Amino acid sequence: MNYIDLYNSGELLRRIREAYRRLASCDLCPHDCGVNRIKGERGICGAGLKPKIASANVHRGEEPPISGTKGSGAIFLSGCSLKCVFCQNFPISQFGNGEEITHPELATRMLKLQRQGAHNINFVTPTHFLPQILAAVWLAVPQGFRLPIVWNSSGYEKVDALRLLDGIVDVYLPDMKYADEQSAAALSTVPGYTALNRTAVLEMLRQVGHLQLDGDGIAEHGLVIRHLVLPGGRAGSVDTLRWVASNLGVETHIALMSQYFPAHKAFETPGAERRVSADEYDEAVEALEAYGLENGWVQDYD
């Protein structure tokens, strides 16, 4: 089933109601803040009741099957359930820069991106606005919305929340940031990240399977893992890649990223205050090859 079928059957509306009930004592992410966002209370992510976006534009900087030739319709949501000391988008994710809009306005932005020719709608850092996104899809469908939906997240997700997206999200694009809890807590303030992240990506794979492309090489369905190599091995890249090969399968598509630089508070954080070295990135690339993970993308180190 897809979101059109779910809309026509009434299942999408049922899921929206369930998702909004969860906002009364918010438990959409593993922090389980328990705040009443319907009454205006805010938890760790800083999100309220209305969707808040920083931008909605055609974006050409994603992985090739996501950006394609026409670009991805990227909608950057404000706020985040992670507090990464090195976040490059910290004005949006941690300072909450952006504009609160209505649900019909969010649906309108989606439809505008569709008219502009975007290959998909790419919700960036969407977890804390899951109910609002479902509502916007419900409003957009009768107006002709038909694009694939990309869920571009930190990977700090709860399986029961992800199940509300089953049949709605076409492409999951999660991070797998850490292989150990100490680094996750120290660098992103996310207790239990590794176990929760791995359980979440297994659920994502169950829903959408491995990446499937159309005749033009554009993503139609599937899972793409992003992994950012960190200095000093803080990401546990080798362990993460071993786990992916063993548990998700060697056919998994992985974007192995070398672009780390010490943004935001990283200069104040021991071990995070420098760029990744060429040798550190090469070690991760070698692990990718050693574990038979041949699908995906590596970056040139400069």
Protein backbone atom coordinates (compact mmCIF):
# COMPACT_ATOMS: atom_id res chain seq x y z
CA MET A 1 0.00 0.00 0.00
CA ASN A 2 1.06 3.61 -0.55
CA TYR A 3 -0.18 6.89 0.90
CA ILE A 4 -2.85 7.17 -1.81
CA ASP A 5 -4.30 3.80 -0.76
CA LEU A 6 -4.02 4.77 2.91
CA TYR A 7 -5.82 8.05 2.19
CA ASN A 8 -8.64 6.34 0.27
CA SER A 9 -9.14 3.66 2.92
CA GLY A 10 -9.26 6.11 5.82
CA GLU A 11 -6.17 4.53 7.39
CA LEU A 12 -4.11 7.70 6.95
CA LEU A 13 -6.67 9.70 8.93
CA ARG A 14 -6.66 7.08 11.67
CA ARG A 15 -2.86 7.34 11.93
CA ILE A 16 -3.02 11.13 12.08
CA ARG A 17 -5.40 10.93 15.03
CA GLU A 18 -3.13 8.44 16.79
CA ALA A 19 -0.06 10.59 16.15
CA TYR A 20 -1.73 13.72 17.51
CA ARG A 21 -2.85 11.91 20.64
CA ARG A 22 0.82 11.25 21.33
CA LEU A 23 1.51 14.99 21.38
CA ALA A 24 -0.51 15.37 24.59
CA SER A 25 2.36 13.62 26.40
CA CYS A 26 4.96 13.63 23.69
CA ASP A 27 6.71 10.32 23.12
CA LEU A 28 7.51 10.56 19.41
CA CYS A 29 11.26 10.11 19.94
CA PRO A 30 13.27 8.09 22.46
CA HIS A 31 13.64 11.04 24.84
CA ASP A 32 9.99 10.52 25.89
CA CYS A 33 9.78 14.09 27.20
CA GLY A 34 6.11 13.72 28.12
CA VAL A 35 5.34 17.41 27.52
CA ASN A 36 1.91 18.50 26.31
CA ARG A 37 2.69 20.08 22.97
CA ILE A 38 -1.00 20.59 22.25
CA LYS A 39 -0.99 23.10 25.14
CA GLY A 40 2.23 24.72 23.97
CA GLU A 41 4.73 22.88 26.14
CA ARG A 42 8.09 22.09 24.57
CA GLY A 43 10.61 19.35 25.20
CA ILE A 44 14.21 18.73 24.18
CA CYS A 45 13.57 19.22 20.45
CA GLY A 46 11.93 22.62 21.04
CA ALA A 47 8.96 21.82 18.80
CA GLY A 48 5.46 23.03 19.51
CA LEU A 49 2.14 22.17 17.93
CA LYS A 50 2.53 23.86 14.55
CA PRO A 51 5.07 22.68 11.99
CA LYS A 52 8.12 24.93 11.84
CA ILE A 53 10.33 25.03 8.77
CA ALA A 54 13.59 26.77 7.94
CA SER A 55 13.29 26.38 4.16
CA ALA A 56 11.50 24.52 1.39
CA ASN A 57 13.49 24.49 -1.83
CA VAL A 58 14.70 22.29 -4.65
CA HIS A 59 18.00 20.89 -3.37
CA ARG A 60 20.68 19.26 -5.55
CA GLY A 61 23.20 18.23 -2.89
CA GLU A 62 21.80 14.86 -1.83
CA GLU A 63 22.90 11.40 -2.99
CA PRO A 64 22.51 10.94 -6.78
CA PRO A 65 19.29 8.85 -6.66
CA ILE A 66 17.69 11.44 -4.35
CA SER A 67 18.72 14.63 -6.16
CA GLY A 68 18.66 13.11 -9.63
CA THR A 69 18.64 15.59 -12.50
CA LYS A 70 15.88 17.88 -11.23
CA GLY A 71 16.69 18.06 -7.52
CA SER A 72 15.01 16.95 -4.32
CA GLY A 73 12.20 18.94 -2.73
CA ALA A 74 13.93 19.49 0.60
CA ILE A 75 11.86 20.80 3.50
CA PHE A 76 14.12 21.56 6.46
CA LEU A 77 12.26 21.26 9.76
CA SER A 78 13.39 23.40 12.71
CA GLY A 79 14.55 21.83 15.95
CA CYS A 80 16.08 18.43 16.61
CA SER A 81 16.06 15.70 19.25
CA LEU A 82 19.88 15.57 19.08
CA LYS A 83 22.27 18.20 20.43
CA CYS A 84 25.34 17.43 18.32
CA VAL A 85 28.28 19.58 19.35
CA PHE A 86 29.47 19.58 15.73
CA CYS A 87 26.15 20.25 13.98
CA GLN A 88 26.66 22.23 10.77
CA ASN A 89 23.00 23.32 10.76
CA PHE A 90 22.90 24.38 14.41
CA PRO A 91 20.98 27.66 13.81
CA ILE A 92 18.11 25.51 12.53
CA SER A 93 18.49 22.37 14.63
CA GLN A 94 19.44 23.87 18.00
CA PHE A 95 18.55 27.56 17.90
CA GLY A 96 15.22 26.80 16.24
CA ASN A 97 15.50 29.31 13.40
CA GLY A 98 12.55 29.04 11.07
CA GLU A 99 8.92 29.93 10.52
CA GLU A 100 5.89 28.38 12.16
CA ILE A 101 3.29 27.64 9.51
CA THR A 102 -0.11 25.97 9.34
CA HIS A 103 -0.72 22.46 8.11
CA PRO A 104 -2.36 23.72 4.89
CA GLU A 105 0.70 25.91 4.30
CA LEU A 106 2.98 22.89 4.65
CA ALA A 107 0.84 21.00 2.15
CA THR A 108 1.08 24.02 -0.19
CA ARG A 109 4.90 23.97 0.02
CA MET A 110 4.88 20.29 -0.92
CA LEU A 111 2.64 20.92 -3.92
CA LYS A 112 4.78 23.86 -5.02
CA LEU A 113 7.91 21.70 -4.99
CA GLN A 114 6.04 19.11 -7.05
CA ARG A 115 5.14 21.78 -9.62
CA GLN A 116 8.79 22.86 -9.70
CA GLY A 117 9.71 19.39 -10.89
CA ALA A 118 11.37 17.95 -7.76
CA HIS A 119 11.81 14.18 -7.83
CA ASN A 120 10.56 13.78 -4.27
CA ILE A 121 9.67 15.55 -1.04
CA ASN A 122 12.59 15.24 1.33
CA PHE A 123 11.68 15.96 4.96
CA VAL A 124 14.94 16.83 6.73
CA THR A 125 15.04 16.26 10.53
CA PRO A 126 11.34 15.36 10.59
CA THR A 127 10.91 13.06 13.60
CA HIS A 128 9.45 15.61 16.03
CA PHE A 129 6.92 16.78 13.43
CA LEU A 130 5.64 13.36 12.40
CA PRO A 131 1.93 14.12 13.12
CA GLN A 132 2.09 17.44 11.29
CA ILE A 133 3.71 15.83 8.26
CA LEU A 134 1.03 13.14 8.12
CA ALA A 135 -1.63 15.84 8.27
CA ALA A 136 0.04 17.77 5.44
CA VAL A 137 0.13 14.63 3.28
CA TRP A 138 -3.58 14.09 3.98
CA LEU A 139 -4.31 17.66 2.85
CA ALA A 140 -2.04 17.46 -0.21
CA VAL A 141 -3.26 14.16 -1.69
CA PRO A 142 -6.71 15.41 -2.86
CA GLN A 143 -4.93 18.38 -4.46
CA GLY A 144 -2.88 16.05 -6.65
CA PHE A 145 0.22 15.35 -4.57
CA ARG A 146 1.95 12.20 -5.84
CA LEU A 147 5.71 12.48 -5.20
CA PRO A 148 7.75 9.88 -3.30
CA ILE A 149 8.43 10.88 0.32
CA VAL A 150 11.95 10.78 1.76
CA TRP A 151 12.41 10.57 5.56
CA ASN A 152 15.84 12.15 6.13
CA SER A 153 16.49 11.68 9.84
CA SER A 154 19.12 11.37 12.56
CA GLY A 155 18.13 7.74 13.01
CA TYR A 156 17.19 8.38 16.66
CA GLU A 157 13.73 6.90 16.25
CA LYS A 158 11.17 4.73 18.00
CA VAL A 159 9.82 1.71 16.16
CA ASP A 160 6.22 2.32 17.24
CA ALA A 161 6.39 5.84 15.80
CA LEU A 162 8.01 4.61 12.58
CA ARG A 163 5.13 2.19 12.10
CA LEU A 164 2.84 5.18 11.63
CA LEU A 165 4.88 5.89 8.47
CA ASP A 166 4.59 2.40 6.98
CA GLY A 167 3.32 2.78 3.42
CA ILE A 168 3.71 6.56 3.53
CA VAL A 169 7.48 6.96 3.42
CA ASP A 170 9.05 5.65 0.22
CA VAL A 171 12.74 6.23 0.97
CA TYR A 172 14.34 6.21 4.40
CA LEU A 173 17.59 8.19 4.61
CA PRO A 174 18.74 7.80 8.24
CA ASP A 175 22.06 8.51 9.88
CA MET A 176 23.91 5.78 11.71
CA LYS A 177 26.05 8.10 13.79
CA TYR A 178 27.64 6.02 16.54
CA ALA A 179 28.64 2.47 17.39
CA ASP A 180 29.00 3.12 21.13
CA GLU A 181 26.87 4.85 23.71
CA GLN A 182 29.68 6.88 25.26
CA SER A 183 30.33 8.85 22.06
CA ALA A 184 26.60 9.28 21.44
CA ALA A 185 26.06 10.75 24.90
CA ALA A 186 29.16 12.94 24.84
CA LEU A 187 28.79 14.36 21.34
CA SER A 188 25.02 14.37 20.74
CA THR A 189 23.34 13.97 24.17
CA VAL A 190 21.38 10.93 23.03
CA PRO A 191 21.27 8.13 25.60
CA GLY A 192 20.89 4.67 24.15
CA TYR A 193 21.48 5.87 20.60
CA THR A 194 23.26 2.82 19.18
CA ALA A 195 20.73 0.17 20.17
CA LEU A 196 17.74 2.38 19.31
CA ASN A 197 19.26 3.40 15.99
CA ARG A 198 19.96 -0.16 14.94
CA THR A 199 16.46 -1.29 15.86
CA ALA A 200 15.04 1.66 13.92
CA VAL A 201 16.94 0.98 10.71
CA LEU A 202 15.85 -2.65 10.83
CA GLU A 203 12.24 -1.43 10.93
CA MET A 204 12.93 0.97 8.06
CA LEU A 205 14.34 -1.88 5.98
CA ARG A 206 11.30 -4.02 6.79
CA GLN A 207 9.03 -1.29 5.48
CA VAL A 208 10.77 -0.26 2.27
CA GLY A 209 13.40 -2.89 1.47
CA HIS A 210 16.67 -2.17 -0.29
CA LEU A 211 16.99 0.75 -2.66
CA GLN A 212 15.06 0.48 -5.93
CA LEU A 213 15.61 2.89 -8.81
CA ASP A 214 13.50 3.77 -11.82
CA GLY A 215 14.79 3.70 -15.39
CA ASP A 216 16.43 7.09 -14.91
CA GLY A 217 18.28 6.10 -11.76
CA ILE A 218 15.92 7.96 -9.41
CA ALA A 219 15.03 6.42 -6.04
CA GLU A 220 11.53 4.98 -5.93
CA HIS A 221 11.73 2.95 -2.73
CA GLY A 222 14.22 1.73 -0.21
CA LEU A 223 16.82 2.44 2.45
CA VAL A 224 20.00 4.51 2.22
CA ILE A 225 22.27 4.72 5.27
CA ARG A 226 24.37 7.81 5.91
CA HIS A 227 27.48 7.54 8.04
CA LEU A 228 29.73 10.48 8.88
CA VAL A 229 33.29 9.53 9.77
CA LEU A 230 34.42 11.41 12.91
CA PRO A 231 37.93 12.22 14.11
CA GLY A 232 39.61 9.80 16.46
CA GLY A 233 37.26 6.98 15.51
CA ARG A 234 34.48 8.51 17.64
CA ALA A 235 31.80 7.32 15.19
CA GLY A 236 32.93 3.69 15.41
CA SER A 237 32.82 3.47 11.62
CA VAL A 238 34.32 -0.01 11.30
CA ASP A 239 31.90 -1.46 13.85
CA THR A 240 28.93 0.23 12.21
CA LEU A 241 29.82 -1.02 8.75
CA ARG A 242 30.34 -4.54 10.11
CA TRP A 243 26.91 -4.40 11.73
CA VAL A 244 25.26 -3.14 8.52
CA ALA A 245 26.75 -5.94 6.43
CA SER A 246 25.75 -8.60 8.98
CA ASN A 247 22.25 -7.34 9.82
CA LEU A 248 20.96 -5.30 6.89
CA GLY A 249 22.82 -7.13 4.12
CA VAL A 250 25.69 -6.34 1.81
CA GLU A 251 23.26 -4.94 -0.77
CA THR A 252 22.58 -1.97 1.53
CA HIS A 253 23.36 1.43 0.01
CA ILE A 254 25.66 3.54 2.18
CA ALA A 255 26.77 7.15 1.83
CA LEU A 256 30.12 7.27 3.62
CA MET A 257 30.87 10.91 4.34
CA SER A 258 34.23 12.61 4.88
CA GLN A 259 32.95 16.17 5.26
CA TYR A 260 33.22 16.51 9.04
CA PHE A 261 34.58 19.80 10.26
CA PRO A 262 34.45 21.33 13.75
CA ALA A 263 31.31 23.47 13.60
CA HIS A 264 29.20 24.87 16.44
CA LYS A 265 30.71 23.77 19.80
CA ALA A 266 33.18 21.24 18.41
CA PHE A 267 36.19 23.49 18.99
CA GLU A 268 35.37 23.35 22.71
CA THR A 269 35.05 19.55 22.73
CA PRO A 270 38.18 17.42 23.15
CA GLY A 271 38.57 15.01 20.28
CA ALA A 272 36.09 16.84 18.05
CA GLU A 273 38.08 20.01 17.40
CA ARG A 274 39.76 18.92 14.15
CA ARG A 275 38.85 17.60 10.74
CA VAL A 276 38.94 13.92 9.87
CA SER A 277 42.31 12.88 8.49
CA ALA A 278 42.76 11.17 5.14
CA ASP A 279 43.97 8.03 6.95
CA GLU A 280 40.85 7.95 9.14
CA TYR A 281 38.56 8.20 6.16
CA ASP A 282 40.57 5.64 4.20
CA GLU A 283 40.19 3.19 7.10
CA ALA A 284 36.41 3.50 6.82
CA VAL A 285 36.53 3.05 3.04
CA GLU A 286 38.65 -0.06 3.49
CA ALA A 287 36.11 -1.45 5.96
CA LEU A 288 33.34 -0.78 3.44
CA GLU A 289 35.20 -2.87 0.91
CA ALA A 290 36.24 -5.56 3.39
CA TYR A 291 32.63 -6.22 4.43
CA GLY A 292 31.41 -6.39 0.83
CA LEU A 293 29.36 -3.19 0.95
CA GLU A 294 29.66 -2.26 -2.70
CA ASN A 295 26.50 -0.17 -3.10
CA GLY A 296 26.61 3.51 -2.34
CA TRP A 297 28.96 6.46 -2.42
CA VAL A 298 32.28 7.55 -1.02
CA GLN A 299 33.62 11.10 -1.15
CA ASP A 300 36.90 12.46 -2.37
CA TYR A 301 39.04 13.61 0.51
CA ASP A 302 40.34 17.13 0.05
